[in-house]
Amino acid sequence: MLARKGNGGAMNREAVDEALTSRRSVRAFLPDPVDDETIGEIMQVAARAPSGTNMQPWKVYVVSGERKEALSQAILASGVRPEKIEWDEYKYYPDKFFEPYLARRRAVGYALYTLLGIGRREVERMRAQHDRNFTFFDAPVGLIFTIDRRLNVGSWLDLGMFVQSVMIAARARDLHTCPQAAFAPYHREIRPLLNIPDEEIVVCGMALGHEDTSKPENALRSERAALEEFVSFVR
């Protein structure tokens, strides 16, 4: 567990930086369970994320065991391929990618498939890897995040800060995560299994658990743009 040090209980900079920089999308998990108490602690800490006028617009559905398995099977049995499914609640990606975003997307995809030994023309293997999203990459815990559809863009920003906080709180407990927008278009399969009301939009899923360090995909370390590419000091 990451340490908390400092005089008078002051938060240690190294511990916070370590939690942030060690967060990454883990795509293979051990079956080791994560107890409800730990999950509750993570959510309680993450709920300190900021939100406009303290609206706290986030909802989380925690699935494990048979319910998680049923959710995975419902999506995989739907017969609708991810490349064909309609994003009818919201769109995560642009209709057409452009630079510099296209190059970054291609780079991380190429790096992942190279680690897995999947060639560019091996479409079925690519699809099989993508389908692992829907088993939460074998993590013992799956999270589904929703938001009230009557809220506006600002509340979506708040939800994003909450989702990030969940991932950082998980790292403080030696756990890893993988945020997964892939679940969003399958809201019709997800709703009845989790009793999600129609007024909530399924925004994303997240795998939560202990990293399987033996799997090659977990060696992936995605690159980040240089500071000068996204920061402007205006004086």
C-alpha atoms as a PDB file:
ATOM      1  CA  MET A   1       0.000   0.000   0.000  1.00  0.00           C
ATOM      2  CA  LEU A   2       1.239   3.480  -0.784  1.00  0.00           C
ATOM      3  CA  ALA A   3       2.537   5.253   2.297  1.00  0.00           C
ATOM      4  CA  ARG A   4       1.280   8.501   3.715  1.00  0.00           C
ATOM      5  CA  LYS A   5       4.022  10.500   5.365  1.00  0.00           C
ATOM      6  CA  GLY A   6       4.885  13.981   6.460  1.00  0.00           C
ATOM      7  CA  ASN A   7       4.779  16.304   9.435  1.00  0.00           C
ATOM      8  CA  GLY A   8       1.376  16.906  10.977  1.00  0.00           C
ATOM      9  CA  GLY A   9      -0.280  14.369   8.668  1.00  0.00           C
ATOM     10  CA  ALA A  10       0.604  16.342   5.522  1.00  0.00           C
ATOM     11  CA  MET A  11       0.173  14.246   2.399  1.00  0.00           C
ATOM     12  CA  ASN A  12       3.362  12.908   0.889  1.00  0.00           C
ATOM     13  CA  ARG A  13       3.996  14.203  -2.623  1.00  0.00           C
ATOM     14  CA  GLU A  14       5.773  11.046  -3.738  1.00  0.00           C
ATOM     15  CA  ALA A  15       2.849   8.849  -2.678  1.00  0.00           C
ATOM     16  CA  VAL A  16       0.347  10.947  -4.606  1.00  0.00           C
ATOM     17  CA  ASP A  17       2.573  11.111  -7.683  1.00  0.00           C
ATOM     18  CA  GLU A  18       3.114   7.347  -7.520  1.00  0.00           C
ATOM     19  CA  ALA A  19      -0.620   6.674  -7.420  1.00  0.00           C
ATOM     20  CA  LEU A  20      -1.154   8.917 -10.444  1.00  0.00           C
ATOM     21  CA  THR A  21       1.763   7.760 -12.560  1.00  0.00           C
ATOM     22  CA  SER A  22       1.316   4.052 -11.800  1.00  0.00           C
ATOM     23  CA  ARG A  23      -2.307   4.142 -12.893  1.00  0.00           C
ATOM     24  CA  ARG A  24      -2.701   2.469 -16.258  1.00  0.00           C
ATOM     25  CA  SER A  25      -5.141   0.315 -18.140  1.00  0.00           C
ATOM     26  CA  VAL A  26      -4.507  -3.258 -17.001  1.00  0.00           C
ATOM     27  CA  ARG A  27      -5.944  -5.845 -19.392  1.00  0.00           C
ATOM     28  CA  ALA A  28      -5.360  -9.096 -17.492  1.00  0.00           C
ATOM     29  CA  PHE A  29      -6.284  -9.723 -13.864  1.00  0.00           C
ATOM     30  CA  LEU A  30      -5.806 -12.431 -11.284  1.00  0.00           C
ATOM     31  CA  PRO A  31      -8.926 -14.160  -9.913  1.00  0.00           C
ATOM     32  CA  ASP A  32      -8.073 -13.015  -6.365  1.00  0.00           C
ATOM     33  CA  PRO A  33     -11.224 -11.458  -4.870  1.00  0.00           C
ATOM     34  CA  VAL A  34     -11.584  -7.857  -3.712  1.00  0.00           C
ATOM     35  CA  ASP A  35     -13.797  -7.619  -0.640  1.00  0.00           C
ATOM     36  CA  ASP A  36     -16.814  -5.325  -0.434  1.00  0.00           C
ATOM     37  CA  GLU A  37     -15.246  -3.328   2.395  1.00  0.00           C
ATOM     38  CA  THR A  38     -12.292  -2.345   0.224  1.00  0.00           C
ATOM     39  CA  ILE A  39     -14.569  -1.428  -2.674  1.00  0.00           C
ATOM     40  CA  GLY A  40     -16.668   0.664  -0.308  1.00  0.00           C
ATOM     41  CA  GLU A  41     -13.572   2.469   0.948  1.00  0.00           C
ATOM     42  CA  ILE A  42     -12.519   3.252  -2.623  1.00  0.00           C
ATOM     43  CA  MET A  43     -15.936   4.669  -3.445  1.00  0.00           C
ATOM     44  CA  GLN A  44     -16.100   6.715  -0.257  1.00  0.00           C
ATOM     45  CA  VAL A  45     -12.708   8.274  -0.924  1.00  0.00           C
ATOM     46  CA  ALA A  46     -13.499   8.875  -4.609  1.00  0.00           C
ATOM     47  CA  ALA A  47     -16.748  10.602  -3.644  1.00  0.00           C
ATOM     48  CA  ARG A  48     -14.626  13.536  -2.487  1.00  0.00           C
ATOM     49  CA  ALA A  49     -14.209  14.365  -6.185  1.00  0.00           C
ATOM     50  CA  PRO A  50     -15.467  17.870  -6.967  1.00  0.00           C
ATOM     51  CA  SER A  51     -18.810  18.543  -8.610  1.00  0.00           C
ATOM     52  CA  GLY A  52     -20.646  21.734  -9.526  1.00  0.00           C
ATOM     53  CA  THR A  53     -22.733  22.933  -6.564  1.00  0.00           C
ATOM     54  CA  ASN A  54     -21.993  19.570  -4.926  1.00  0.00           C
ATOM     55  CA  MET A  55     -24.465  17.751  -7.201  1.00  0.00           C
ATOM     56  CA  GLN A  56     -22.449  14.497  -7.094  1.00  0.00           C
ATOM     57  CA  PRO A  57     -23.974  13.218 -10.355  1.00  0.00           C
ATOM     58  CA  TRP A  58     -22.326   9.778 -10.354  1.00  0.00           C
ATOM     59  CA  LYS A  59     -23.866   6.343  -9.883  1.00  0.00           C
ATOM     60  CA  VAL A  60     -21.907   3.078  -9.724  1.00  0.00           C
ATOM     61  CA  TYR A  61     -23.129  -0.508 -10.066  1.00  0.00           C
ATOM     62  CA  VAL A  62     -20.661  -3.045  -8.645  1.00  0.00           C
ATOM     63  CA  VAL A  63     -20.846  -6.550 -10.128  1.00  0.00           C
ATOM     64  CA  SER A  64     -19.029  -9.750  -9.265  1.00  0.00           C
ATOM     65  CA  GLY A  65     -19.579 -13.486  -9.297  1.00  0.00           C
ATOM     66  CA  GLU A  66     -22.602 -14.853 -11.129  1.00  0.00           C
ATOM     67  CA  ARG A  67     -24.057 -11.442 -11.926  1.00  0.00           C
ATOM     68  CA  LYS A  68     -20.827 -10.324 -13.569  1.00  0.00           C
ATOM     69  CA  GLU A  69     -20.728 -13.551 -15.569  1.00  0.00           C
ATOM     70  CA  ALA A  70     -24.344 -13.068 -16.672  1.00  0.00           C
ATOM     71  CA  LEU A  71     -23.568  -9.514 -17.781  1.00  0.00           C
ATOM     72  CA  SER A  72     -20.591 -10.679 -19.828  1.00  0.00           C
ATOM     73  CA  GLN A  73     -22.569 -13.464 -21.472  1.00  0.00           C
ATOM     74  CA  ALA A  74     -25.494 -11.171 -22.314  1.00  0.00           C
ATOM     75  CA  ILE A  75     -23.214  -8.797 -24.212  1.00  0.00           C
ATOM     76  CA  LEU A  76     -21.183 -11.491 -25.948  1.00  0.00           C
ATOM     77  CA  ALA A  77     -24.367 -13.326 -26.964  1.00  0.00           C
ATOM     78  CA  SER A  78     -26.015 -10.187 -28.356  1.00  0.00           C
ATOM     79  CA  GLY A  79     -24.582 -10.924 -31.790  1.00  0.00           C
ATOM     80  CA  VAL A  80     -23.798  -7.257 -32.426  1.00  0.00           C
ATOM     81  CA  ARG A  81     -20.167  -6.591 -33.249  1.00  0.00           C
ATOM     82  CA  PRO A  82     -18.598  -3.512 -31.617  1.00  0.00           C
ATOM     83  CA  GLU A  83     -17.692  -2.047 -35.017  1.00  0.00           C
ATOM     84  CA  LYS A  84     -21.361  -2.272 -36.091  1.00  0.00           C
ATOM     85  CA  ILE A  85     -23.166  -1.252 -32.923  1.00  0.00           C
ATOM     86  CA  GLU A  86     -24.769   2.187 -32.715  1.00  0.00           C
ATOM     87  CA  TRP A  87     -23.659   4.637 -30.061  1.00  0.00           C
ATOM     88  CA  ASP A  88     -27.179   5.920 -29.538  1.00  0.00           C
ATOM     89  CA  GLU A  89     -26.830   7.379 -26.022  1.00  0.00           C
ATOM     90  CA  TYR A  90     -23.676   9.406 -26.547  1.00  0.00           C
ATOM     91  CA  LYS A  91     -20.603   9.352 -28.771  1.00  0.00           C
ATOM     92  CA  TYR A  92     -17.212   8.784 -27.208  1.00  0.00           C
ATOM     93  CA  TYR A  93     -15.113   9.175 -30.347  1.00  0.00           C
ATOM     94  CA  PRO A  94     -15.299  11.594 -33.304  1.00  0.00           C
ATOM     95  CA  ASP A  95     -16.951  10.410 -36.516  1.00  0.00           C
ATOM     96  CA  LYS A  96     -13.571  10.674 -38.214  1.00  0.00           C
ATOM     97  CA  PHE A  97     -10.200  10.732 -36.456  1.00  0.00           C
ATOM     98  CA  PHE A  98      -7.673  13.432 -37.272  1.00  0.00           C
ATOM     99  CA  GLU A  99      -4.187  14.377 -36.120  1.00  0.00           C
ATOM    100  CA  PRO A 100      -2.643  14.294 -33.605  1.00  0.00           C
ATOM    101  CA  TYR A 101      -5.324  11.972 -32.184  1.00  0.00           C
ATOM    102  CA  LEU A 102      -5.244   9.461 -35.024  1.00  0.00           C
ATOM    103  CA  ALA A 103      -1.505   8.840 -34.618  1.00  0.00           C
ATOM    104  CA  ARG A 104      -1.809   8.420 -30.862  1.00  0.00           C
ATOM    105  CA  ARG A 105      -4.689   5.955 -31.266  1.00  0.00           C
ATOM    106  CA  ARG A 106      -2.787   3.916 -33.822  1.00  0.00           C
ATOM    107  CA  ALA A 107       0.390   3.901 -31.718  1.00  0.00           C
ATOM    108  CA  VAL A 108      -1.242   2.461 -28.611  1.00  0.00           C
ATOM    109  CA  GLY A 109      -3.190  -0.100 -30.637  1.00  0.00           C
ATOM    110  CA  TYR A 110      -0.052  -1.225 -32.471  1.00  0.00           C
ATOM    111  CA  ALA A 111       1.887  -1.458 -29.190  1.00  0.00           C
ATOM    112  CA  LEU A 112      -0.801  -3.595 -27.563  1.00  0.00           C
ATOM    113  CA  TYR A 113      -1.185  -6.006 -30.474  1.00  0.00           C
ATOM    114  CA  THR A 114       2.585  -6.311 -30.834  1.00  0.00           C
ATOM    115  CA  LEU A 115       2.874  -7.406 -27.207  1.00  0.00           C
ATOM    116  CA  LEU A 116       0.116  -9.954 -27.824  1.00  0.00           C
ATOM    117  CA  GLY A 117       1.718 -11.183 -31.034  1.00  0.00           C
ATOM    118  CA  ILE A 118      -1.341 -10.197 -33.099  1.00  0.00           C
ATOM    119  CA  GLY A 119      -0.604  -9.191 -36.683  1.00  0.00           C
ATOM    120  CA  ARG A 120      -2.308  -6.378 -38.556  1.00  0.00           C
ATOM    121  CA  ARG A 121      -4.359  -8.763 -40.689  1.00  0.00           C
ATOM    122  CA  GLU A 122      -5.428 -11.065 -37.852  1.00  0.00           C
ATOM    123  CA  VAL A 123      -8.906  -9.610 -37.559  1.00  0.00           C
ATOM    124  CA  GLU A 124     -10.417 -12.477 -35.585  1.00  0.00           C
ATOM    125  CA  ARG A 125      -7.702 -12.325 -32.954  1.00  0.00           C
ATOM    126  CA  MET A 126      -8.183  -8.572 -32.703  1.00  0.00           C
ATOM    127  CA  ARG A 127     -11.901  -9.105 -32.166  1.00  0.00           C
ATOM    128  CA  ALA A 128     -11.259 -11.748 -29.538  1.00  0.00           C
ATOM    129  CA  GLN A 129      -8.982  -9.361 -27.656  1.00  0.00           C
ATOM    130  CA  HIS A 130     -11.592  -6.606 -27.858  1.00  0.00           C
ATOM    131  CA  ASP A 131     -14.241  -8.999 -26.538  1.00  0.00           C
ATOM    132  CA  ARG A 132     -12.173  -9.426 -23.397  1.00  0.00           C
ATOM    133  CA  ASN A 133     -13.487  -5.989 -22.450  1.00  0.00           C
ATOM    134  CA  PHE A 134     -16.840  -7.630 -21.796  1.00  0.00           C
ATOM    135  CA  THR A 135     -15.388 -10.121 -19.320  1.00  0.00           C
ATOM    136  CA  PHE A 136     -13.732  -7.183 -17.541  1.00  0.00           C
ATOM    137  CA  PHE A 137     -10.433  -8.779 -18.567  1.00  0.00           C
ATOM    138  CA  ASP A 138     -11.167 -11.517 -16.001  1.00  0.00           C
ATOM    139  CA  ALA A 139     -11.093  -9.059 -13.094  1.00  0.00           C
ATOM    140  CA  PRO A 140     -13.102 -10.239 -10.064  1.00  0.00           C
ATOM    141  CA  VAL A 141     -14.998  -6.934  -9.914  1.00  0.00           C
ATOM    142  CA  GLY A 142     -16.720  -4.954 -12.629  1.00  0.00           C
ATOM    143  CA  LEU A 143     -18.028  -1.404 -12.250  1.00  0.00           C
ATOM    144  CA  ILE A 144     -20.674   0.252 -14.405  1.00  0.00           C
ATOM    145  CA  PHE A 145     -20.872   4.048 -14.183  1.00  0.00           C
ATOM    146  CA  THR A 146     -24.046   5.942 -15.066  1.00  0.00           C
ATOM    147  CA  ILE A 147     -25.331   9.508 -15.066  1.00  0.00           C
ATOM    148  CA  ASP A 148     -28.797  11.020 -15.113  1.00  0.00           C
ATOM    149  CA  ARG A 149     -29.617  11.869 -18.742  1.00  0.00           C
ATOM    150  CA  ARG A 150     -31.301  15.116 -17.662  1.00  0.00           C
ATOM    151  CA  LEU A 151     -27.965  16.581 -16.566  1.00  0.00           C
ATOM    152  CA  ASN A 152     -25.688  18.615 -18.798  1.00  0.00           C
ATOM    153  CA  VAL A 153     -22.074  18.570 -19.979  1.00  0.00           C
ATOM    154  CA  GLY A 154     -20.708  20.032 -16.737  1.00  0.00           C
ATOM    155  CA  SER A 155     -21.976  17.052 -14.781  1.00  0.00           C
ATOM    156  CA  TRP A 156     -20.233  14.716 -17.228  1.00  0.00           C
ATOM    157  CA  LEU A 157     -16.985  16.513 -16.355  1.00  0.00           C
ATOM    158  CA  ASP A 158     -17.755  15.880 -12.692  1.00  0.00           C
ATOM    159  CA  LEU A 159     -18.365  12.203 -13.401  1.00  0.00           C
ATOM    160  CA  GLY A 160     -15.005  12.003 -15.166  1.00  0.00           C
ATOM    161  CA  MET A 161     -13.242  13.392 -12.097  1.00  0.00           C
ATOM    162  CA  PHE A 162     -15.032  10.812  -9.953  1.00  0.00           C
ATOM    163  CA  VAL A 163     -13.994   7.976 -12.281  1.00  0.00           C
ATOM    164  CA  GLN A 164     -10.367   9.147 -12.095  1.00  0.00           C
ATOM    165  CA  SER A 165     -10.618   9.319  -8.324  1.00  0.00           C
ATOM    166  CA  VAL A 166     -11.822   5.717  -8.203  1.00  0.00           C
ATOM    167  CA  MET A 167      -8.753   4.617 -10.168  1.00  0.00           C
ATOM    168  CA  ILE A 168      -6.346   6.572  -7.961  1.00  0.00           C
ATOM    169  CA  ALA A 169      -7.954   5.300  -4.744  1.00  0.00           C
ATOM    170  CA  ALA A 170      -7.620   1.775  -6.135  1.00  0.00           C
ATOM    171  CA  ARG A 171      -3.894   2.283  -6.703  1.00  0.00           C
ATOM    172  CA  ALA A 172      -3.487   3.413  -3.080  1.00  0.00           C
ATOM    173  CA  ARG A 173      -4.700  -0.097  -2.173  1.00  0.00           C
ATOM    174  CA  ASP A 174      -2.371  -1.896  -4.577  1.00  0.00           C
ATOM    175  CA  LEU A 175      -5.219  -2.578  -6.987  1.00  0.00           C
ATOM    176  CA  HIS A 176      -5.386  -1.873 -10.700  1.00  0.00           C
ATOM    177  CA  THR A 177      -8.173  -0.850 -13.051  1.00  0.00           C
ATOM    178  CA  CYS A 178      -9.113  -0.509 -16.690  1.00  0.00           C
ATOM    179  CA  PRO A 179     -11.734   2.101 -17.663  1.00  0.00           C
ATOM    180  CA  GLN A 180     -13.883   0.763 -20.506  1.00  0.00           C
ATOM    181  CA  ALA A 181     -16.103   2.878 -22.733  1.00  0.00           C
ATOM    182  CA  ALA A 182     -16.812  -0.315 -24.695  1.00  0.00           C
ATOM    183  CA  PHE A 183     -19.757  -1.111 -22.419  1.00  0.00           C
ATOM    184  CA  ALA A 184     -21.716   2.058 -23.221  1.00  0.00           C
ATOM    185  CA  PRO A 185     -23.402   0.952 -26.492  1.00  0.00           C
ATOM    186  CA  TYR A 186     -24.630  -2.254 -24.830  1.00  0.00           C
ATOM    187  CA  HIS A 187     -26.910  -0.491 -22.400  1.00  0.00           C
ATOM    188  CA  ARG A 188     -29.888  -2.563 -23.575  1.00  0.00           C
ATOM    189  CA  GLU A 189     -28.162  -5.728 -22.393  1.00  0.00           C
ATOM    190  CA  ILE A 190     -26.873  -4.118 -19.190  1.00  0.00           C
ATOM    191  CA  ARG A 191     -30.009  -2.349 -17.928  1.00  0.00           C
ATOM    192  CA  PRO A 192     -32.246  -5.318 -17.108  1.00  0.00           C
ATOM    193  CA  LEU A 193     -29.467  -7.263 -15.407  1.00  0.00           C
ATOM    194  CA  LEU A 194     -28.479  -4.400 -13.103  1.00  0.00           C
ATOM    195  CA  ASN A 195     -31.919  -2.778 -12.779  1.00  0.00           C
ATOM    196  CA  ILE A 196     -30.637   0.506 -14.197  1.00  0.00           C
ATOM    197  CA  PRO A 197     -33.531   2.937 -14.715  1.00  0.00           C
ATOM    198  CA  ASP A 198     -34.144   4.479 -18.136  1.00  0.00           C
ATOM    199  CA  GLU A 199     -33.253   7.975 -16.919  1.00  0.00           C
ATOM    200  CA  GLU A 200     -29.629   6.899 -16.386  1.00  0.00           C
ATOM    201  CA  ILE A 201     -27.137   6.736 -19.247  1.00  0.00           C
ATOM    202  CA  VAL A 202     -24.580   3.942 -19.119  1.00  0.00           C
ATOM    203  CA  VAL A 203     -21.351   5.904 -19.517  1.00  0.00           C
ATOM    204  CA  CYS A 204     -18.623   3.294 -19.112  1.00  0.00           C
ATOM    205  CA  GLY A 205     -17.448   0.219 -17.292  1.00  0.00           C
ATOM    206  CA  MET A 206     -14.301  -0.489 -15.310  1.00  0.00           C
ATOM    207  CA  ALA A 207     -12.372  -3.615 -14.384  1.00  0.00           C
ATOM    208  CA  LEU A 208     -11.007  -3.693 -10.828  1.00  0.00           C
ATOM    209  CA  GLY A 209      -8.659  -6.197  -9.252  1.00  0.00           C
ATOM    210  CA  HIS A 210      -5.076  -7.430  -8.931  1.00  0.00           C
ATOM    211  CA  GLU A 211      -2.834  -7.296 -11.986  1.00  0.00           C
ATOM    212  CA  ASP A 212      -1.678 -10.546 -13.562  1.00  0.00           C
ATOM    213  CA  THR A 213       1.957  -9.615 -14.117  1.00  0.00           C
ATOM    214  CA  SER A 214       2.593 -12.780 -16.141  1.00  0.00           C
ATOM    215  CA  LYS A 215       0.497 -11.554 -19.083  1.00  0.00           C
ATOM    216  CA  PRO A 216       2.340  -9.737 -21.905  1.00  0.00           C
ATOM    217  CA  GLU A 217      -0.373  -7.117 -22.441  1.00  0.00           C
ATOM    218  CA  ASN A 218       0.305  -5.719 -18.990  1.00  0.00           C
ATOM    219  CA  ALA A 219       3.788  -4.682 -20.099  1.00  0.00           C
ATOM    220  CA  LEU A 220       2.159  -1.911 -22.135  1.00  0.00           C
ATOM    221  CA  ARG A 221       3.125   1.599 -21.082  1.00  0.00           C
ATOM    222  CA  SER A 222       1.376   4.136 -23.277  1.00  0.00           C
ATOM    223  CA  GLU A 223       3.258   7.286 -24.181  1.00  0.00           C
ATOM    224  CA  ARG A 224       2.267  10.786 -23.103  1.00  0.00           C
ATOM    225  CA  ALA A 225       2.730  13.972 -25.079  1.00  0.00           C
ATOM    226  CA  ALA A 226       5.563  16.309 -24.157  1.00  0.00           C
ATOM    227  CA  LEU A 227       4.633  19.106 -21.763  1.00  0.00           C
ATOM    228  CA  GLU A 228       4.996  21.812 -24.408  1.00  0.00           C
ATOM    229  CA  GLU A 229       2.400  20.080 -26.584  1.00  0.00           C
ATOM    230  CA  PHE A 230      -0.454  20.671 -24.161  1.00  0.00           C
ATOM    231  CA  VAL A 231       0.649  23.359 -21.685  1.00  0.00           C
ATOM    232  CA  SER A 232       0.964  27.070 -22.411  1.00  0.00           C
ATOM    233  CA  PHE A 233       2.444  29.383 -19.807  1.00  0.00           C
ATOM    234  CA  VAL A 234       0.798  32.731 -20.506  1.00  0.00           C
ATOM    235  CA  ARG A 235       2.353  35.711 -18.735  1.00  0.00           C
END
